[in-house]
Amino acid sequence: MDVIRLLGIRDTPLSVDEVLAAVGDHAAGGTTFFVGTVREQDHGKPVTRLAYSAHPTALAELRQVAEKIAADFPVTALAAVHRVGDLELGDAAVIVAVAAPHRDEAFKAARRLIDDLKANVPIWKHQVFADGETEWVGAGE
């Protein structure tokens, strides 16, 4: 059975419940989640709007990241979904989850999954600040 249970780049709201259901596994002794949300400020400045966009290869790149995590860690299940489009404050922008036989493995694999996703998957964040300044943040942030 494939341990990669759910991958997605979506323009619709993300669901923690969907991700939790995807990684549910009786062989797992620990499941670790990370939910990245839109915050009201960045660099000490108020954010008024935020949008994510993705390169057409983003899902394929996400799959490569997930396959590497599955090869490097003894995970029983993993999932990763990222939102694109316009988001509101508090919206979930990214959710990753990893189930593993032991909690330490789940924590380490989930940390690497989100770090590698942010570093390698071509998804860009466009922030608009209250003062009118804008910022693009991309892979490798």
N, C-alpha and C. Protein backbone atom coordinates (compact mmCIF):
# COMPACT_ATOMS: atom_id res chain seq x y z
N MET A 1 0.84 -1.18 0.00
CA MET A 1 0.00 0.00 0.00
C MET A 1 0.88 1.25 0.00
N ASP A 2 0.48 2.23 -0.78
CA ASP A 2 1.22 3.48 -0.89
C ASP A 2 1.05 4.30 0.38
N VAL A 3 2.13 4.78 0.94
CA VAL A 3 2.04 5.59 2.16
C VAL A 3 1.66 7.04 1.84
N ILE A 4 1.79 7.43 0.58
CA ILE A 4 1.38 8.78 0.19
C ILE A 4 -0.12 8.74 -0.07
N ARG A 5 -0.88 9.26 0.88
CA ARG A 5 -2.33 9.09 0.85
C ARG A 5 -3.08 10.27 0.24
N LEU A 6 -2.49 11.47 0.32
CA LEU A 6 -3.19 12.64 -0.18
C LEU A 6 -2.18 13.72 -0.51
N LEU A 7 -2.23 14.21 -1.74
CA LEU A 7 -1.42 15.35 -2.16
C LEU A 7 -2.34 16.27 -2.96
N GLY A 8 -2.17 17.56 -2.79
CA GLY A 8 -3.01 18.46 -3.56
C GLY A 8 -2.54 19.90 -3.55
N ILE A 9 -2.83 20.57 -4.66
CA ILE A 9 -2.69 22.01 -4.80
C ILE A 9 -4.10 22.46 -5.17
N ARG A 10 -4.74 23.23 -4.30
CA ARG A 10 -6.18 23.50 -4.46
C ARG A 10 -6.52 24.98 -4.35
N ASP A 11 -7.57 25.36 -5.06
CA ASP A 11 -8.08 26.72 -4.95
C ASP A 11 -9.32 26.80 -4.06
N THR A 12 -9.56 25.75 -3.31
CA THR A 12 -10.68 25.69 -2.38
C THR A 12 -10.14 25.53 -0.96
N PRO A 13 -10.95 25.86 0.05
CA PRO A 13 -10.47 25.75 1.43
C PRO A 13 -9.98 24.34 1.78
N LEU A 14 -8.93 24.30 2.58
CA LEU A 14 -8.33 23.04 3.01
C LEU A 14 -9.04 22.52 4.25
N SER A 15 -9.06 21.21 4.40
CA SER A 15 -9.75 20.58 5.52
C SER A 15 -8.79 19.75 6.37
N VAL A 16 -8.65 20.13 7.63
CA VAL A 16 -7.86 19.34 8.57
C VAL A 16 -8.47 17.95 8.71
N ASP A 17 -9.80 17.88 8.76
CA ASP A 17 -10.47 16.58 8.89
C ASP A 17 -10.14 15.65 7.73
N GLU A 18 -10.11 16.18 6.51
CA GLU A 18 -9.78 15.36 5.35
C GLU A 18 -8.35 14.82 5.46
N VAL A 19 -7.43 15.68 5.87
CA VAL A 19 -6.03 15.27 5.99
C VAL A 19 -5.88 14.24 7.11
N LEU A 20 -6.53 14.47 8.23
CA LEU A 20 -6.47 13.52 9.34
C LEU A 20 -7.01 12.16 8.90
N ALA A 21 -8.13 12.14 8.19
CA ALA A 21 -8.70 10.88 7.71
C ALA A 21 -7.74 10.18 6.74
N ALA A 22 -7.05 10.96 5.93
CA ALA A 22 -6.14 10.38 4.94
C ALA A 22 -4.96 9.66 5.58
N VAL A 23 -4.47 10.17 6.71
CA VAL A 23 -3.28 9.56 7.32
C VAL A 23 -3.61 8.60 8.45
N GLY A 24 -4.89 8.39 8.72
CA GLY A 24 -5.27 7.45 9.76
C GLY A 24 -4.72 6.06 9.44
N ASP A 25 -4.05 5.45 10.41
CA ASP A 25 -3.41 4.17 10.16
C ASP A 25 -3.23 3.44 11.49
N HIS A 26 -3.70 2.21 11.59
CA HIS A 26 -3.59 1.44 12.83
C HIS A 26 -2.15 1.03 13.16
N ALA A 27 -1.26 1.12 12.18
CA ALA A 27 0.15 0.80 12.42
C ALA A 27 0.90 1.98 13.04
N ALA A 28 0.26 3.14 13.06
CA ALA A 28 0.93 4.34 13.54
C ALA A 28 0.76 4.50 15.04
N GLY A 29 1.86 4.82 15.70
CA GLY A 29 1.82 5.15 17.12
C GLY A 29 1.80 6.65 17.33
N GLY A 30 2.05 7.41 16.25
CA GLY A 30 2.05 8.86 16.34
C GLY A 30 1.70 9.48 15.01
N THR A 31 0.95 10.57 15.07
CA THR A 31 0.60 11.35 13.89
C THR A 31 0.91 12.80 14.19
N THR A 32 1.67 13.43 13.32
CA THR A 32 2.04 14.83 13.49
C THR A 32 1.45 15.65 12.37
N PHE A 33 0.87 16.80 12.75
CA PHE A 33 0.26 17.74 11.82
C PHE A 33 0.98 19.07 11.86
N PHE A 34 0.99 19.73 10.73
CA PHE A 34 1.35 21.16 10.69
C PHE A 34 0.31 21.85 9.83
N VAL A 35 -0.25 22.92 10.37
CA VAL A 35 -1.20 23.74 9.62
C VAL A 35 -0.63 25.15 9.56
N GLY A 36 -0.31 25.59 8.36
CA GLY A 36 0.17 26.96 8.16
C GLY A 36 -1.01 27.85 7.82
N THR A 37 -1.17 28.93 8.56
CA THR A 37 -2.32 29.82 8.38
C THR A 37 -1.87 31.23 7.98
N VAL A 38 -2.79 31.97 7.40
CA VAL A 38 -2.53 33.35 7.00
C VAL A 38 -2.57 34.22 8.26
N ARG A 39 -1.47 34.90 8.51
CA ARG A 39 -1.39 35.75 9.70
C ARG A 39 -1.66 37.21 9.31
N GLU A 40 -2.00 38.00 10.32
CA GLU A 40 -2.39 39.38 10.07
C GLU A 40 -1.23 40.34 9.86
N GLN A 41 -0.02 39.88 10.13
CA GLN A 41 1.13 40.74 9.86
C GLN A 41 2.35 39.90 9.53
N ASP A 42 3.26 40.53 8.81
CA ASP A 42 4.53 39.91 8.47
C ASP A 42 5.58 41.00 8.47
N HIS A 43 6.75 40.72 8.95
CA HIS A 43 7.82 41.71 9.07
C HIS A 43 7.36 42.90 9.93
N GLY A 44 6.41 42.66 10.86
CA GLY A 44 5.92 43.71 11.72
C GLY A 44 4.96 44.67 11.03
N LYS A 45 4.52 44.33 9.82
CA LYS A 45 3.61 45.21 9.07
C LYS A 45 2.28 44.49 8.83
N PRO A 46 1.17 45.21 8.93
CA PRO A 46 -0.14 44.59 8.70
C PRO A 46 -0.30 44.12 7.25
N VAL A 47 -0.82 42.91 7.10
CA VAL A 47 -1.10 42.34 5.78
C VAL A 47 -2.58 42.56 5.49
N THR A 48 -2.88 43.12 4.31
CA THR A 48 -4.28 43.35 3.95
C THR A 48 -4.80 42.31 2.97
N ARG A 49 -3.93 41.77 2.13
CA ARG A 49 -4.34 40.75 1.17
C ARG A 49 -3.20 39.78 0.97
N LEU A 50 -3.56 38.55 0.60
CA LEU A 50 -2.55 37.52 0.35
C LEU A 50 -3.11 36.56 -0.69
N ALA A 51 -2.25 36.19 -1.62
CA ALA A 51 -2.65 35.20 -2.63
C ALA A 51 -1.46 34.29 -2.91
N TYR A 52 -1.76 33.03 -3.18
CA TYR A 52 -0.74 32.07 -3.58
C TYR A 52 -0.99 31.69 -5.03
N SER A 53 0.10 31.49 -5.76
CA SER A 53 0.01 30.94 -7.11
C SER A 53 1.04 29.83 -7.22
N ALA A 54 0.79 28.92 -8.14
CA ALA A 54 1.66 27.75 -8.28
C ALA A 54 2.02 27.54 -9.75
N HIS A 55 3.22 27.08 -9.97
CA HIS A 55 3.66 26.68 -11.29
C HIS A 55 2.92 25.41 -11.69
N PRO A 56 2.68 25.18 -12.97
CA PRO A 56 1.99 23.95 -13.39
C PRO A 56 2.67 22.65 -12.92
N THR A 57 3.95 22.70 -12.62
CA THR A 57 4.66 21.50 -12.15
C THR A 57 4.59 21.30 -10.64
N ALA A 58 3.89 22.19 -9.92
CA ALA A 58 3.91 22.16 -8.46
C ALA A 58 3.46 20.82 -7.89
N LEU A 59 2.41 20.24 -8.43
CA LEU A 59 1.93 18.97 -7.88
C LEU A 59 2.95 17.85 -8.11
N ALA A 60 3.58 17.83 -9.27
CA ALA A 60 4.61 16.82 -9.54
C ALA A 60 5.80 17.02 -8.60
N GLU A 61 6.17 18.25 -8.34
CA GLU A 61 7.26 18.54 -7.40
C GLU A 61 6.87 18.13 -5.98
N LEU A 62 5.63 18.37 -5.62
CA LEU A 62 5.15 17.95 -4.31
C LEU A 62 5.22 16.43 -4.17
N ARG A 63 4.87 15.72 -5.21
CA ARG A 63 4.96 14.26 -5.18
C ARG A 63 6.41 13.82 -4.98
N GLN A 64 7.36 14.46 -5.65
CA GLN A 64 8.78 14.11 -5.46
C GLN A 64 9.21 14.33 -4.02
N VAL A 65 8.79 15.44 -3.44
CA VAL A 65 9.11 15.71 -2.03
C VAL A 65 8.53 14.61 -1.15
N ALA A 66 7.26 14.27 -1.36
CA ALA A 66 6.61 13.24 -0.55
C ALA A 66 7.28 11.88 -0.71
N GLU A 67 7.66 11.54 -1.93
CA GLU A 67 8.34 10.26 -2.17
C GLU A 67 9.67 10.20 -1.43
N LYS A 68 10.37 11.31 -1.39
CA LYS A 68 11.66 11.36 -0.68
C LYS A 68 11.46 11.17 0.83
N ILE A 69 10.44 11.81 1.37
CA ILE A 69 10.14 11.64 2.80
C ILE A 69 9.79 10.19 3.08
N ALA A 70 8.95 9.60 2.23
CA ALA A 70 8.55 8.20 2.41
C ALA A 70 9.74 7.25 2.31
N ALA A 71 10.73 7.60 1.50
CA ALA A 71 11.92 6.77 1.36
C ALA A 71 12.89 6.95 2.54
N ASP A 72 12.92 8.14 3.11
CA ASP A 72 13.90 8.46 4.15
C ASP A 72 13.44 8.17 5.58
N PHE A 73 12.13 8.03 5.78
CA PHE A 73 11.58 7.84 7.12
C PHE A 73 10.64 6.64 7.11
N PRO A 74 10.52 5.94 8.25
CA PRO A 74 9.62 4.79 8.32
C PRO A 74 8.17 5.21 8.56
N VAL A 75 7.62 6.00 7.64
CA VAL A 75 6.25 6.50 7.81
C VAL A 75 5.24 5.45 7.34
N THR A 76 4.06 5.49 7.95
CA THR A 76 2.98 4.61 7.51
C THR A 76 2.00 5.35 6.61
N ALA A 77 1.97 6.68 6.71
CA ALA A 77 1.09 7.48 5.87
C ALA A 77 1.55 8.93 5.90
N LEU A 78 1.34 9.62 4.78
CA LEU A 78 1.61 11.06 4.77
C LEU A 78 0.65 11.75 3.82
N ALA A 79 0.47 13.05 4.07
CA ALA A 79 -0.41 13.87 3.25
C ALA A 79 0.11 15.29 3.25
N ALA A 80 -0.13 16.01 2.15
CA ALA A 80 0.25 17.41 2.06
C ALA A 80 -0.68 18.09 1.05
N VAL A 81 -1.29 19.18 1.48
CA VAL A 81 -2.14 19.97 0.59
C VAL A 81 -1.79 21.44 0.77
N HIS A 82 -1.80 22.17 -0.34
CA HIS A 82 -1.49 23.60 -0.32
C HIS A 82 -2.56 24.35 -1.07
N ARG A 83 -2.92 25.47 -0.56
CA ARG A 83 -3.96 26.31 -1.16
C ARG A 83 -3.34 27.31 -2.12
N VAL A 84 -4.05 27.63 -3.18
CA VAL A 84 -3.69 28.71 -4.10
C VAL A 84 -4.90 29.63 -4.23
N GLY A 85 -4.65 30.81 -4.75
CA GLY A 85 -5.71 31.81 -4.90
C GLY A 85 -5.68 32.78 -3.74
N ASP A 86 -6.76 33.58 -3.65
CA ASP A 86 -6.88 34.58 -2.60
C ASP A 86 -7.28 33.93 -1.29
N LEU A 87 -6.58 34.28 -0.21
CA LEU A 87 -6.87 33.75 1.11
C LEU A 87 -7.17 34.89 2.06
N GLU A 88 -7.95 34.60 3.09
CA GLU A 88 -8.29 35.55 4.14
C GLU A 88 -7.45 35.27 5.38
N LEU A 89 -7.38 36.25 6.27
CA LEU A 89 -6.68 36.04 7.53
C LEU A 89 -7.27 34.83 8.24
N GLY A 90 -6.39 33.98 8.75
CA GLY A 90 -6.81 32.78 9.47
C GLY A 90 -7.02 31.56 8.60
N ASP A 91 -7.11 31.74 7.28
CA ASP A 91 -7.30 30.59 6.39
C ASP A 91 -6.09 29.66 6.45
N ALA A 92 -6.33 28.37 6.30
CA ALA A 92 -5.24 27.40 6.19
C ALA A 92 -4.64 27.52 4.80
N ALA A 93 -3.34 27.76 4.73
CA ALA A 93 -2.62 27.86 3.47
C ALA A 93 -1.97 26.54 3.10
N VAL A 94 -1.56 25.77 4.10
CA VAL A 94 -0.89 24.50 3.87
C VAL A 94 -1.15 23.58 5.06
N ILE A 95 -1.36 22.30 4.77
CA ILE A 95 -1.50 21.30 5.82
C ILE A 95 -0.64 20.11 5.43
N VAL A 96 0.22 19.67 6.34
CA VAL A 96 0.96 18.43 6.15
C VAL A 96 0.72 17.55 7.37
N ALA A 97 0.73 16.25 7.13
CA ALA A 97 0.55 15.30 8.22
C ALA A 97 1.34 14.04 7.91
N VAL A 98 1.89 13.46 8.96
CA VAL A 98 2.66 12.23 8.83
C VAL A 98 2.30 11.31 9.98
N ALA A 99 2.04 10.06 9.65
CA ALA A 99 1.83 9.01 10.65
C ALA A 99 3.03 8.07 10.58
N ALA A 100 3.48 7.64 11.74
CA ALA A 100 4.64 6.75 11.82
C ALA A 100 4.49 5.85 13.05
N PRO A 101 5.27 4.78 13.11
CA PRO A 101 5.17 3.88 14.26
C PRO A 101 5.43 4.58 15.59
N HIS A 102 6.31 5.57 15.61
CA HIS A 102 6.69 6.26 16.84
C HIS A 102 6.62 7.77 16.64
N ARG A 103 6.35 8.51 17.72
CA ARG A 103 6.16 9.96 17.62
C ARG A 103 7.40 10.69 17.11
N ASP A 104 8.59 10.26 17.54
CA ASP A 104 9.79 10.95 17.11
C ASP A 104 9.93 10.89 15.59
N GLU A 105 9.66 9.75 15.00
CA GLU A 105 9.72 9.60 13.54
C GLU A 105 8.67 10.47 12.88
N ALA A 106 7.47 10.53 13.45
CA ALA A 106 6.40 11.35 12.89
C ALA A 106 6.78 12.83 12.92
N PHE A 107 7.32 13.29 14.05
CA PHE A 107 7.74 14.69 14.16
C PHE A 107 8.83 15.03 13.15
N LYS A 108 9.86 14.20 13.09
CA LYS A 108 10.97 14.47 12.18
C LYS A 108 10.53 14.46 10.72
N ALA A 109 9.72 13.49 10.35
CA ALA A 109 9.26 13.40 8.96
C ALA A 109 8.34 14.57 8.61
N ALA A 110 7.47 14.96 9.52
CA ALA A 110 6.57 16.08 9.24
C ALA A 110 7.35 17.38 9.10
N ARG A 111 8.35 17.56 9.96
CA ARG A 111 9.18 18.78 9.87
C ARG A 111 9.90 18.84 8.52
N ARG A 112 10.44 17.72 8.11
CA ARG A 112 11.14 17.70 6.83
C ARG A 112 10.17 17.87 5.67
N LEU A 113 8.98 17.30 5.79
CA LEU A 113 7.98 17.44 4.74
C LEU A 113 7.61 18.91 4.51
N ILE A 114 7.31 19.65 5.56
CA ILE A 114 6.95 21.06 5.38
C ILE A 114 8.16 21.87 4.93
N ASP A 115 9.33 21.61 5.48
CA ASP A 115 10.53 22.35 5.09
C ASP A 115 10.87 22.11 3.62
N ASP A 116 10.81 20.86 3.18
CA ASP A 116 11.13 20.55 1.78
C ASP A 116 10.06 21.06 0.83
N LEU A 117 8.81 21.01 1.25
CA LEU A 117 7.73 21.59 0.44
C LEU A 117 8.01 23.07 0.22
N LYS A 118 8.29 23.81 1.30
CA LYS A 118 8.54 25.25 1.19
C LYS A 118 9.78 25.54 0.35
N ALA A 119 10.79 24.69 0.42
CA ALA A 119 12.04 24.94 -0.30
C ALA A 119 11.99 24.53 -1.77
N ASN A 120 11.19 23.52 -2.10
CA ASN A 120 11.31 22.92 -3.43
C ASN A 120 10.07 22.98 -4.32
N VAL A 121 8.91 23.18 -3.76
CA VAL A 121 7.69 23.19 -4.57
C VAL A 121 7.44 24.62 -5.05
N PRO A 122 7.29 24.84 -6.36
CA PRO A 122 7.16 26.19 -6.90
C PRO A 122 5.77 26.80 -6.65
N ILE A 123 5.61 27.31 -5.43
CA ILE A 123 4.41 28.02 -5.02
C ILE A 123 4.88 29.37 -4.49
N TRP A 124 4.21 30.42 -4.95
CA TRP A 124 4.61 31.78 -4.59
C TRP A 124 3.50 32.49 -3.84
N LYS A 125 3.91 33.24 -2.83
CA LYS A 125 2.98 34.02 -2.01
C LYS A 125 3.13 35.49 -2.37
N HIS A 126 2.02 36.15 -2.65
CA HIS A 126 2.01 37.58 -2.90
C HIS A 126 1.27 38.26 -1.75
N GLN A 127 2.00 39.05 -0.99
CA GLN A 127 1.42 39.76 0.14
C GLN A 127 1.27 41.23 -0.20
N VAL A 128 0.15 41.82 0.22
CA VAL A 128 -0.06 43.25 0.10
C VAL A 128 -0.21 43.78 1.53
N PHE A 129 0.62 44.78 1.84
CA PHE A 129 0.63 45.35 3.18
C PHE A 129 -0.26 46.59 3.24
N ALA A 130 -0.64 46.99 4.44
CA ALA A 130 -1.52 48.13 4.65
C ALA A 130 -0.94 49.42 4.08
N ASP A 131 0.38 49.52 4.04
CA ASP A 131 1.01 50.74 3.51
C ASP A 131 1.10 50.73 1.98
N GLY A 132 0.55 49.69 1.34
CA GLY A 132 0.56 49.61 -0.12
C GLY A 132 1.74 48.85 -0.69
N GLU A 133 2.75 48.60 0.13
CA GLU A 133 3.90 47.83 -0.32
C GLU A 133 3.49 46.39 -0.56
N THR A 134 4.14 45.74 -1.53
CA THR A 134 3.86 44.34 -1.82
C THR A 134 5.14 43.53 -1.74
N GLU A 135 4.96 42.23 -1.58
CA GLU A 135 6.11 41.33 -1.48
C GLU A 135 5.73 39.99 -2.10
N TRP A 136 6.63 39.46 -2.92
CA TRP A 136 6.51 38.10 -3.43
C TRP A 136 7.47 37.22 -2.66
N VAL A 137 6.97 36.10 -2.19
CA VAL A 137 7.80 35.14 -1.48
C VAL A 137 7.62 33.80 -2.19
N GLY A 138 8.74 33.14 -2.54
CA GLY A 138 8.61 31.92 -3.31
C GLY A 138 9.32 30.74 -2.70
N ALA A 139 9.45 29.71 -3.49
CA ALA A 139 10.17 28.50 -3.07
C ALA A 139 11.54 28.93 -2.54
N GLY A 140 11.92 28.34 -1.44
CA GLY A 140 13.21 28.65 -0.85
C GLY A 140 13.13 29.72 0.23
N GLU A 141 11.91 30.11 0.62
CA GLU A 141 11.79 31.16 1.65
C GLU A 141 12.27 30.67 2.98
